[in-house]
Amino acid sequence: MSSMQTNNPAFSGTIFGDWEHADRRGNVMTVQGTAGKAMALLVILVACAAVTWTQISNKGVGQGVIIGSLIGGLVFFFATVFNKRWAPVTAPLYAACEGVLLGAISYTYAQAYQGIVPQAVGLTAATTAVMLFVYATGLVKVTGRLTAVIAAATGALALFYLGSMLLGMFGMTGGINLINSSGRLGIVISVVAVGLAAFNLLLDFDFIAQGERYEAPKYMEWYGAFGLMVTLIWLYLEILRLLRKLQDRR
């Protein structure tokens, strides 16, 4: 029996729970298999985003659809986290819900800021490629210390975002205004957020590599792809926010 802890701070606790060694005749997690699953999730996300974008531009999409995709995304996110065996089903459903949501968000940004969406997509892809190169070449090694630093910083940022949202519900909007501000401090916050999302990609790559090394069950390929998708969505949204702030300063 073997177990291992995740390096991704988004998922605390044991990720690879105890299991008997999977059948070695192809029923184990591989990097190649996870990459294929990640591409499948990306195709689902982009397709749903494109359909939503088209629907909004033609005749609009009801608020119920957007709210439903938000709630659905959260439900399938937590379902996947709490039961990894469900990942082959819940991960694609999560990608579909997030695609609808990102399609609506991206359309809104595109109407206000010309060219911002292609820029955000391009920068997200470029950042992912750079971080993959950094990980593959060993320029930055994922150590316990690096993991702890990234986890602490990501947790602090998440608490800041969450605290600002909760305070905003009671009329104290200082934190929200700061997060969305196009001033120097607001831009610094976005740069830090983009940097943290990028470094979380290193943890995702390491998680996938360790899954192959520890001979995780085949369904963990979907879970590894799901974790990578979560980080990519976060990275895209933070880049979109940063580009919006930079355009506001022009």
Protein backbone atom coordinates (compact mmCIF):
# COMPACT_ATOMS: atom_id res chain seq x y z
CA MET A 1 0.00 0.00 0.00
CA SER A 2 1.29 3.50 -0.71
CA SER A 3 0.21 7.02 -0.02
CA MET A 4 1.44 10.45 -0.85
CA GLN A 5 0.68 14.05 -0.05
CA THR A 6 -0.25 16.57 -2.71
CA ASN A 7 2.02 19.48 -3.48
CA ASN A 8 -0.95 21.54 -4.68
CA PRO A 9 -2.08 23.88 -1.89
CA ALA A 10 -5.56 23.98 -3.39
CA PHE A 11 -6.10 20.44 -2.12
CA SER A 12 -4.94 19.89 1.42
CA GLY A 13 -4.57 16.47 2.98
CA THR A 14 -3.88 13.14 1.36
CA ILE A 15 -4.50 13.10 -2.38
CA PHE A 16 -3.19 9.66 -3.27
CA GLY A 17 -4.92 7.62 -0.57
CA ASP A 18 -3.86 4.10 0.30
CA TRP A 19 -4.42 1.61 -2.46
CA GLU A 20 -3.09 -1.66 -3.70
CA HIS A 21 -0.74 -1.35 -6.65
CA ALA A 22 -2.82 -0.96 -9.76
CA ASP A 23 -2.71 -3.53 -12.50
CA ARG A 24 0.47 -2.72 -14.40
CA ARG A 25 -1.03 -3.74 -17.73
CA GLY A 26 -2.05 -0.18 -18.50
CA ASN A 27 -4.29 0.55 -15.51
CA VAL A 28 -1.96 3.04 -13.87
CA MET A 29 -1.66 6.81 -14.08
CA THR A 30 0.80 8.15 -16.65
CA VAL A 31 1.94 11.63 -17.62
CA GLN A 32 0.89 11.02 -21.21
CA GLY A 33 -2.55 9.80 -20.16
CA THR A 34 -3.05 12.80 -17.88
CA ALA A 35 -2.00 15.15 -20.68
CA GLY A 36 -4.64 13.62 -22.93
CA LYS A 37 -7.31 14.02 -20.26
CA ALA A 38 -6.24 17.65 -19.70
CA MET A 39 -6.62 18.33 -23.42
CA ALA A 40 -10.09 16.77 -23.34
CA LEU A 41 -11.12 19.02 -20.45
CA LEU A 42 -9.69 22.04 -22.27
CA VAL A 43 -11.67 21.21 -25.40
CA ILE A 44 -14.87 20.92 -23.34
CA LEU A 45 -14.17 24.22 -21.59
CA VAL A 46 -13.37 26.11 -24.81
CA ALA A 47 -16.37 24.64 -26.64
CA CYS A 48 -18.77 25.64 -23.86
CA ALA A 49 -17.17 29.09 -23.64
CA ALA A 50 -17.53 29.57 -27.40
CA VAL A 51 -21.20 28.50 -27.37
CA THR A 52 -21.94 30.84 -24.47
CA TRP A 53 -20.12 33.73 -26.18
CA THR A 54 -22.13 33.14 -29.39
CA GLN A 55 -25.42 32.88 -27.53
CA ILE A 56 -24.78 36.10 -25.62
CA SER A 57 -23.81 38.00 -28.76
CA ASN A 58 -26.86 36.74 -30.67
CA LYS A 59 -29.75 36.80 -28.24
CA GLY A 60 -28.32 36.82 -24.77
CA VAL A 61 -28.06 34.26 -22.03
CA GLY A 62 -30.26 34.40 -18.97
CA GLN A 63 -28.83 35.18 -15.56
CA GLY A 64 -30.12 31.81 -14.43
CA VAL A 65 -27.71 30.05 -16.80
CA ILE A 66 -24.73 32.02 -15.50
CA ILE A 67 -25.68 31.51 -11.86
CA GLY A 68 -26.36 27.84 -12.56
CA SER A 69 -22.92 27.39 -14.12
CA LEU A 70 -21.32 29.07 -11.10
CA ILE A 71 -23.15 26.83 -8.64
CA GLY A 72 -22.57 23.76 -10.81
CA GLY A 73 -18.86 24.51 -11.03
CA LEU A 74 -18.62 24.71 -7.25
CA VAL A 75 -20.61 21.51 -6.76
CA PHE A 76 -18.51 19.51 -9.22
CA PHE A 77 -15.30 21.05 -7.85
CA PHE A 78 -15.98 19.88 -4.31
CA ALA A 79 -17.40 16.55 -5.51
CA THR A 80 -14.15 15.87 -7.36
CA VAL A 81 -11.99 16.93 -4.43
CA PHE A 82 -13.87 14.84 -1.89
CA ASN A 83 -14.20 11.72 -4.03
CA LYS A 84 -11.37 11.35 -6.52
CA ARG A 85 -12.94 8.23 -8.04
CA TRP A 86 -15.70 10.44 -9.44
CA ALA A 87 -13.20 12.52 -11.41
CA PRO A 88 -13.83 10.78 -14.80
CA VAL A 89 -17.41 12.12 -14.59
CA THR A 90 -17.22 15.23 -12.41
CA ALA A 91 -14.09 16.73 -14.00
CA PRO A 92 -15.69 17.06 -17.48
CA LEU A 93 -18.86 18.47 -15.89
CA TYR A 94 -16.73 20.97 -13.98
CA ALA A 95 -14.98 21.99 -17.21
CA ALA A 96 -18.35 22.48 -18.93
CA CYS A 97 -19.70 24.69 -16.15
CA GLU A 98 -16.52 26.74 -16.03
CA GLY A 99 -16.63 27.09 -19.81
CA VAL A 100 -20.08 28.67 -19.63
CA LEU A 101 -18.94 31.00 -16.87
CA LEU A 102 -15.68 31.97 -18.59
CA GLY A 103 -17.51 32.54 -21.86
CA ALA A 104 -19.80 35.07 -20.16
CA ILE A 105 -16.96 36.76 -18.29
CA SER A 106 -14.75 36.93 -21.37
CA TYR A 107 -17.56 38.40 -23.48
CA THR A 108 -18.14 41.12 -20.90
CA TYR A 109 -14.44 42.02 -20.86
CA ALA A 110 -14.24 41.95 -24.66
CA GLN A 111 -17.06 44.48 -24.98
CA ALA A 112 -15.27 46.96 -22.74
CA TYR A 113 -11.63 46.31 -23.70
CA GLN A 114 -10.73 45.65 -27.31
CA GLY A 115 -8.40 42.70 -27.86
CA ILE A 116 -8.13 41.82 -24.18
CA VAL A 117 -9.41 38.23 -24.46
CA PRO A 118 -6.95 37.06 -27.17
CA GLN A 119 -4.15 38.69 -25.18
CA ALA A 120 -5.20 36.89 -22.00
CA VAL A 121 -5.50 33.55 -23.79
CA GLY A 122 -2.09 34.01 -25.41
CA LEU A 123 -0.40 35.01 -22.17
CA THR A 124 -1.99 32.09 -20.33
CA ALA A 125 -0.71 29.65 -22.95
CA ALA A 126 2.74 31.26 -22.97
CA THR A 127 2.99 31.22 -19.19
CA THR A 128 1.98 27.57 -19.08
CA ALA A 129 4.60 26.68 -21.70
CA VAL A 130 7.31 28.57 -19.83
CA MET A 131 6.47 26.93 -16.50
CA LEU A 132 6.40 23.49 -18.14
CA PHE A 133 9.85 24.17 -19.60
CA VAL A 134 11.10 25.37 -16.21
CA TYR A 135 9.81 22.21 -14.54
CA ALA A 136 10.96 19.78 -17.23
CA THR A 137 14.48 21.19 -17.33
CA GLY A 138 14.81 21.35 -13.56
CA LEU A 139 15.51 25.11 -13.53
CA VAL A 140 13.20 25.27 -10.53
CA LYS A 141 12.90 22.12 -8.45
CA VAL A 142 9.71 21.49 -6.50
CA THR A 143 11.02 20.97 -2.98
CA GLY A 144 9.23 20.82 0.32
CA ARG A 145 10.35 24.36 1.14
CA LEU A 146 9.15 25.76 -2.19
CA THR A 147 5.84 23.97 -1.77
CA ALA A 148 5.40 25.42 1.72
CA VAL A 149 6.15 28.96 0.51
CA ILE A 150 3.73 28.72 -2.43
CA ALA A 151 1.06 27.15 -0.22
CA ALA A 152 1.39 29.88 2.42
CA ALA A 153 1.34 32.69 -0.14
CA THR A 154 -1.61 31.19 -2.03
CA GLY A 155 -3.52 30.70 1.23
CA ALA A 156 -2.85 34.28 2.29
CA LEU A 157 -4.07 35.61 -1.05
CA ALA A 158 -7.19 33.44 -0.89
CA LEU A 159 -7.95 34.68 2.63
CA PHE A 160 -7.49 38.28 1.48
CA TYR A 161 -9.88 37.76 -1.44
CA LEU A 162 -12.43 35.95 0.72
CA GLY A 163 -12.19 38.48 3.55
CA SER A 164 -12.64 41.37 1.12
CA MET A 165 -15.73 39.72 -0.37
CA LEU A 166 -17.28 39.06 3.04
CA LEU A 167 -16.60 42.60 4.23
CA GLY A 168 -18.02 43.93 0.97
CA MET A 169 -21.30 42.17 1.75
CA PHE A 170 -21.56 44.39 4.85
CA GLY A 171 -20.79 47.57 2.97
CA MET A 172 -17.06 47.68 3.72
CA THR A 173 -15.78 47.72 0.17
CA GLY A 174 -12.21 48.86 0.78
CA GLY A 175 -10.73 45.43 0.08
CA ILE A 176 -12.82 44.88 -3.06
CA ASN A 177 -11.94 48.32 -4.35
CA LEU A 178 -8.26 47.61 -3.75
CA ILE A 179 -8.40 44.28 -5.58
CA ASN A 180 -10.10 45.89 -8.58
CA SER A 181 -8.16 49.14 -8.43
CA SER A 182 -6.07 50.18 -11.43
CA GLY A 183 -3.69 52.03 -9.13
CA ARG A 184 -0.16 50.87 -8.42
CA LEU A 185 -1.12 48.76 -5.42
CA GLY A 186 -3.98 47.13 -7.30
CA ILE A 187 -1.62 46.24 -10.15
CA VAL A 188 0.92 44.85 -7.69
CA ILE A 189 -1.77 42.60 -6.21
CA SER A 190 -2.64 41.30 -9.69
CA VAL A 191 1.01 40.70 -10.58
CA VAL A 192 1.47 38.73 -7.34
CA ALA A 193 -1.69 36.73 -8.07
CA VAL A 194 -0.52 35.92 -11.61
CA GLY A 195 2.88 34.88 -10.26
CA LEU A 196 1.34 32.61 -7.65
CA ALA A 197 -0.96 30.98 -10.21
CA ALA A 198 2.04 30.38 -12.46
CA PHE A 199 4.06 28.77 -9.67
CA ASN A 200 1.09 26.60 -8.76
CA LEU A 201 1.47 25.11 -12.24
CA LEU A 202 4.82 23.73 -11.09
CA LEU A 203 3.07 21.97 -8.24
CA ASP A 204 0.48 20.55 -10.64
CA PHE A 205 3.20 19.23 -12.96
CA ASP A 206 4.98 17.66 -10.01
CA PHE A 207 1.75 16.10 -8.78
CA ILE A 208 1.20 14.45 -12.16
CA ALA A 209 4.80 13.22 -12.34
CA GLN A 210 4.54 11.73 -8.85
CA GLY A 211 1.28 10.06 -9.77
CA GLU A 212 3.08 8.14 -12.49
CA ARG A 213 6.00 7.40 -10.20
CA TYR A 214 3.76 6.02 -7.43
CA GLU A 215 1.66 4.01 -9.92
CA ALA A 216 -1.58 5.73 -9.02
CA PRO A 217 -4.84 4.20 -10.32
CA LYS A 218 -5.93 5.18 -13.82
CA TYR A 219 -8.77 7.42 -12.63
CA MET A 220 -6.16 9.71 -11.05
CA GLU A 221 -5.30 10.90 -14.55
CA TRP A 222 -8.65 12.67 -14.57
CA TYR A 223 -7.94 14.07 -11.14
CA GLY A 224 -4.52 15.34 -12.19
CA ALA A 225 -6.06 16.94 -15.29
CA PHE A 226 -8.78 18.48 -13.11
CA GLY A 227 -6.20 20.05 -10.76
CA LEU A 228 -4.30 21.48 -13.73
CA MET A 229 -7.53 22.88 -15.17
CA VAL A 230 -8.37 24.63 -11.89
CA THR A 231 -4.99 26.39 -11.92
CA LEU A 232 -5.25 27.36 -15.60
CA ILE A 233 -8.67 28.93 -15.05
CA TRP A 234 -7.32 30.89 -12.09
CA LEU A 235 -4.29 32.01 -14.12
CA TYR A 236 -6.46 33.14 -17.04
CA LEU A 237 -8.79 35.17 -14.82
CA GLU A 238 -5.90 36.86 -13.01
CA ILE A 239 -4.22 37.74 -16.32
CA LEU A 240 -7.53 39.09 -17.62
CA ARG A 241 -7.86 41.26 -14.50
CA LEU A 242 -4.29 42.51 -14.81
CA LEU A 243 -4.69 43.42 -18.48
CA ARG A 244 -7.89 45.29 -17.65
CA LYS A 245 -6.08 47.34 -15.02
CA LEU A 246 -3.22 48.14 -17.40
CA GLN A 247 -5.65 49.30 -20.09
CA ASP A 248 -7.49 51.47 -17.56
CA ARG A 249 -4.23 53.32 -16.86
CA ARG A 250 -3.73 54.32 -20.49
